[in-house]
Protein backbone atom coordinates (compact mmCIF):
# COMPACT_ATOMS: atom_id res chain seq x y z
CA MET A 1 2.81 17.02 -11.28
CA PRO A 2 -0.32 15.66 -9.61
CA ALA A 3 -2.29 17.45 -6.95
CA PHE A 4 -3.58 15.64 -3.87
CA ARG A 5 -6.92 16.94 -2.58
CA LEU A 6 -8.86 16.28 0.60
CA GLY A 7 -12.46 16.19 -0.60
CA THR A 8 -15.00 18.46 1.05
CA ALA A 9 -17.21 15.58 2.20
CA VAL A 10 -14.29 13.90 3.97
CA ALA A 11 -13.03 17.16 5.46
CA ASP A 12 -16.49 17.92 6.82
CA ALA A 13 -17.01 14.44 8.26
CA PHE A 14 -13.50 14.25 9.76
CA PRO A 15 -12.49 17.83 10.60
CA GLY A 16 -9.41 16.75 12.56
CA THR A 17 -7.79 15.11 9.54
CA LEU A 18 -4.13 15.86 8.94
CA ILE A 19 -2.15 14.08 6.24
CA ALA A 20 1.59 14.40 5.65
CA LEU A 21 2.73 13.74 2.10
CA VAL A 22 6.44 12.93 1.94
CA THR A 23 7.81 12.98 -1.59
CA ALA A 24 11.05 11.48 -2.87
CA THR A 25 12.43 11.98 -6.36
CA GLY A 26 15.41 10.22 -7.87
CA LEU A 27 14.88 7.35 -5.46
CA ARG A 28 17.47 4.57 -5.56
CA GLY A 29 15.81 1.42 -4.30
CA ARG A 30 18.45 -1.11 -5.25
CA GLU A 31 21.25 0.11 -3.03
CA PRO A 32 21.70 -0.75 0.68
CA TRP A 33 19.62 1.37 3.10
CA PRO A 34 21.45 0.86 6.42
CA LEU A 35 19.37 3.41 8.38
CA THR A 36 16.17 1.65 7.40
CA ALA A 37 17.58 -1.77 8.24
CA THR A 38 18.61 -0.46 11.67
CA ALA A 39 15.19 1.13 12.28
CA VAL A 40 13.38 -2.13 11.52
CA GLU A 41 15.76 -4.24 13.57
CA ASP A 42 15.51 -1.83 16.51
CA LEU A 43 11.72 -2.17 16.62
CA GLU A 44 11.95 -5.95 16.53
CA ARG A 45 14.60 -5.94 19.28
CA ARG A 46 12.53 -3.64 21.51
CA LEU A 47 9.46 -5.81 20.98
CA ALA A 48 11.44 -8.92 21.90
CA ASP A 49 12.84 -7.42 25.14
CA GLY A 50 9.46 -6.00 26.16
CA SER A 51 10.47 -2.33 26.14
CA TRP A 52 7.98 -1.43 23.39
CA ALA A 53 4.84 -2.83 21.79
CA PRO A 54 2.85 -1.68 18.76
CA ALA A 55 -0.38 0.24 19.32
CA ASP A 56 -3.48 -1.95 19.28
CA GLU A 57 -7.17 -1.18 18.95
CA THR A 58 -7.38 0.03 22.56
CA ASP A 59 -4.96 2.86 21.72
CA PRO A 60 -6.71 6.17 20.88
CA ARG A 61 -4.73 6.46 17.64
CA ILE A 62 -6.09 3.13 16.38
CA GLU A 63 -9.52 3.42 17.99
CA ALA A 64 -10.14 6.64 16.05
CA TRP A 65 -9.70 4.77 12.78
CA HIS A 66 -12.01 1.98 13.92
CA THR A 67 -14.67 4.60 14.63
CA ALA A 68 -14.12 6.21 11.23
CA TYR A 69 -14.33 2.87 9.43
CA ARG A 70 -17.65 2.08 11.12
CA SER A 71 -19.00 5.48 10.11
CA PHE A 72 -18.65 4.64 6.42
CA GLY A 73 -19.84 1.06 6.74
CA THR A 74 -16.61 -0.91 7.13
CA ASN A 75 -16.15 -3.43 9.95
CA PRO A 76 -12.64 -2.63 11.28
CA ARG A 77 -12.33 -6.03 12.92
CA ARG A 78 -12.59 -7.71 9.51
CA VAL A 79 -11.00 -5.00 7.37
CA ARG A 80 -8.38 -3.36 9.54
CA PRO A 81 -6.60 -0.01 9.09
CA SER A 82 -3.13 -0.67 7.73
CA VAL A 83 -1.28 0.30 10.91
CA ASP A 84 -3.55 -1.93 12.99
CA ALA A 85 -2.98 -4.93 10.73
CA LEU A 86 0.77 -4.30 10.59
CA GLY A 87 1.05 -3.94 14.37
CA ARG A 88 -0.90 -7.15 14.96
CA ARG A 89 1.35 -9.01 12.51
CA LEU A 90 4.46 -7.68 14.22
CA ALA A 91 3.19 -8.58 17.69
CA LYS A 92 2.34 -12.11 16.54
CA LYS A 93 5.40 -12.92 14.44
CA GLY A 94 8.00 -10.74 16.13
CA SER A 95 9.21 -9.31 12.85
CA LEU A 96 8.17 -6.90 10.12
CA PRO A 97 7.94 -8.05 6.50
CA ARG A 98 10.87 -7.07 4.29
CA ILE A 99 9.45 -5.85 0.97
CA ASN A 100 11.94 -3.30 -0.37
CA PRO A 101 13.79 -0.43 1.31
CA ALA A 102 11.20 2.27 0.58
CA VAL A 103 8.27 0.16 1.78
CA ASP A 104 10.24 -1.09 4.78
CA SER A 105 10.94 2.55 5.69
CA TYR A 106 7.33 3.65 5.85
CA ASN A 107 6.25 0.42 7.55
CA ALA A 108 8.77 1.03 10.33
CA VAL A 109 7.70 4.65 10.78
CA SER A 110 4.02 3.72 10.65
CA VAL A 111 4.12 1.04 13.32
CA ARG A 112 6.55 2.94 15.53
CA HIS A 113 4.26 5.97 15.72
CA GLY A 114 0.89 4.20 15.46
CA LEU A 115 -0.09 6.10 12.31
CA PRO A 116 -1.42 4.64 9.04
CA ALA A 117 0.96 4.98 6.12
CA GLY A 118 0.96 4.13 2.43
CA ALA A 119 2.80 5.04 -0.74
CA PHE A 120 2.22 5.52 -4.45
CA ASP A 121 4.59 5.37 -7.40
CA LEU A 122 3.81 8.76 -8.93
CA ASP A 123 4.93 7.63 -12.38
CA ARG A 124 1.92 5.29 -12.33
CA VAL A 125 -0.60 7.77 -10.95
CA GLU A 126 -2.95 9.20 -13.59
CA GLY A 127 -4.04 12.78 -13.03
CA ASP A 128 -4.84 14.25 -9.63
CA VAL A 129 -5.62 12.25 -6.50
CA VAL A 130 -8.70 12.95 -4.41
CA ILE A 131 -9.66 11.53 -1.00
CA ARG A 132 -13.44 11.23 -1.15
CA PRO A 133 -16.37 8.86 -0.60
CA ALA A 134 -16.72 6.25 -3.34
CA ASP A 135 -19.83 6.30 -5.51
CA GLY A 136 -19.71 2.56 -6.12
CA THR A 137 -18.72 2.65 -9.78
CA GLU A 138 -14.95 2.94 -9.30
CA ALA A 139 -12.61 0.01 -9.95
CA PHE A 140 -9.87 -1.22 -7.62
CA THR A 141 -7.21 -3.86 -8.19
CA PRO A 142 -5.73 -5.04 -4.87
CA LEU A 143 -2.01 -5.10 -4.25
CA GLY A 144 -0.63 -8.47 -5.29
CA GLU A 145 -3.80 -9.40 -7.19
CA PRO A 146 -3.39 -7.85 -10.66
CA ASP A 147 -6.24 -9.90 -12.16
CA THR A 148 -8.80 -8.98 -9.47
CA VAL A 149 -11.22 -6.07 -9.81
CA GLU A 150 -13.28 -4.83 -6.86
CA HIS A 151 -15.77 -2.00 -6.54
CA PRO A 152 -15.84 -0.07 -3.26
CA ARG A 153 -19.21 0.36 -1.60
CA PRO A 154 -20.83 3.79 -1.95
CA GLY A 155 -19.69 6.02 0.89
CA GLU A 156 -16.45 4.15 1.57
CA VAL A 157 -13.58 6.66 1.80
CA VAL A 158 -11.00 6.08 -0.93
CA TYR A 159 -7.99 7.66 -2.58
CA VAL A 160 -8.82 7.85 -6.28
CA ASP A 161 -7.14 9.14 -9.43
CA ALA A 162 -8.38 9.40 -13.01
CA ALA A 163 -7.89 5.66 -13.61
CA GLY A 164 -9.44 4.24 -10.46
CA VAL A 165 -9.14 3.67 -6.74
CA LEU A 166 -5.67 3.79 -5.17
CA THR A 167 -6.65 2.70 -1.64
CA ARG A 168 -9.77 1.06 -0.24
CA HIS A 169 -11.31 1.83 3.16
CA TRP A 170 -9.20 5.02 3.32
CA ASN A 171 -5.98 3.24 4.31
CA HIS A 172 -6.66 -0.49 4.48
CA ARG A 173 -5.01 -1.62 1.25
CA ASP A 174 -3.25 -0.07 -1.74
CA THR A 175 -3.77 -0.85 -5.40
CA HIS A 176 -1.43 -3.01 -7.45
CA ARG A 177 -1.07 -0.39 -10.19
CA THR A 178 0.80 2.22 -8.14
CA ARG A 179 2.73 -0.19 -5.91
CA VAL A 180 6.22 0.90 -4.88
CA THR A 181 9.01 -1.38 -6.07
CA GLU A 182 12.82 -1.30 -6.02
CA ASP A 183 12.66 0.49 -9.37
CA SER A 184 10.25 3.25 -8.34
CA THR A 185 12.02 6.59 -8.60
CA HIS A 186 9.27 9.15 -7.89
CA VAL A 187 7.20 8.25 -4.85
CA VAL A 188 4.79 9.94 -2.46
CA PHE A 189 4.29 8.52 1.03
CA ALA A 190 1.18 9.39 3.08
CA LEU A 191 0.97 9.45 6.88
CA GLU A 192 -2.42 10.15 8.44
CA THR A 193 -4.20 11.12 11.65
CA LEU A 194 -7.83 11.96 12.38
CA HIS A 195 -6.92 14.02 15.46
CA ALA A 196 -4.57 16.82 14.41
CA GLU A 197 -4.99 18.70 17.68
CA ARG A 198 -3.88 15.69 19.69
CA ASP A 199 -1.49 13.93 17.30
CA GLY A 200 -0.38 16.61 14.85
CA ASP A 201 3.08 16.94 16.39
CA LEU A 202 3.45 13.17 16.35
CA LEU A 203 2.55 13.04 12.68
CA ARG A 204 4.96 15.84 11.79
CA ALA A 205 7.76 14.08 13.67
CA ALA A 206 6.95 10.81 11.90
CA ALA A 207 7.06 12.56 8.52
CA GLU A 208 10.47 14.01 9.28
CA GLU A 209 11.69 10.62 10.47
CA LEU A 210 10.56 9.05 7.20
CA ARG A 211 12.19 11.83 5.20
CA THR A 212 15.44 11.19 7.08
CA LEU A 213 15.34 7.52 6.04
CA LEU A 214 14.62 8.41 2.42
CA ALA A 215 16.98 11.35 1.94
CA PRO A 216 20.29 9.45 1.63
CA HIS A 217 18.78 7.48 -1.27
CA ALA A 218 16.96 10.24 -3.16
CA GLY A 219 17.81 13.22 -5.26
CA ALA A 220 15.32 15.37 -3.36
CA THR A 221 12.70 15.01 -0.64
CA ALA A 222 9.92 17.27 0.60
CA VAL A 223 6.98 17.25 3.02
CA HIS A 224 3.51 18.67 2.28
CA HIS A 225 0.43 18.69 4.49
CA LEU A 226 -3.30 18.35 3.82
CA ASP A 227 -6.05 19.34 6.21
CA PRO A 228 -9.48 20.98 5.92
CA ALA A 229 -7.90 24.44 5.89
CA ARG A 230 -5.27 23.43 3.29
CA PRO A 231 -7.07 20.79 1.24
CA GLU A 232 -4.71 20.65 -1.75
CA ALA A 233 -1.01 20.08 -2.31
CA VAL A 234 0.88 19.67 -5.58
CA VAL A 235 3.53 16.99 -5.24
């Protein structure tokens, strides 16, 4: 079973980091997920009636990620944190994309709570996963572009395993190799904040909400946490 580690350089640069890792084993992605469908539809309905709107870059939760991106050389207006991009898409189109039940679940939780989220098919992860600055030699194949190879800039924060980069710009985009599909059965979902003191309770609640959506369609679920004081978790 792989370990996820928060690298020392990232922990030192972002001491308020807290990451929730929600794992699901025995996942059944080809059956109906009514709770997830309801969660997505509820967000869209609340957006339409004006009772709720996704967090934008003026929100402290999103602004913190913009500041972090700039610190490692990424322009967050061109390359947006995942939750920022998803919220903007929802506000513009009035609906969330339907990918598959597992992905739809973490998208709904992410945009509802204003927290970046991603997921990896653990059967396609090679070795342990480390969150660290890139050195510029690593390879990354973007989601949906299996024939494209990119190389993160040195200093860019990435998730990386033994075979290459799993996410660029910390949480902007996932790799194609570990994408979650309807047939993924062993998955880890990551929810993140840079301000644990302010938003730690929000992140923990979001993780439990995600676990509640996953649990009826999994053999087992669990939640682990990473922070500078607990920099490693085996999932």
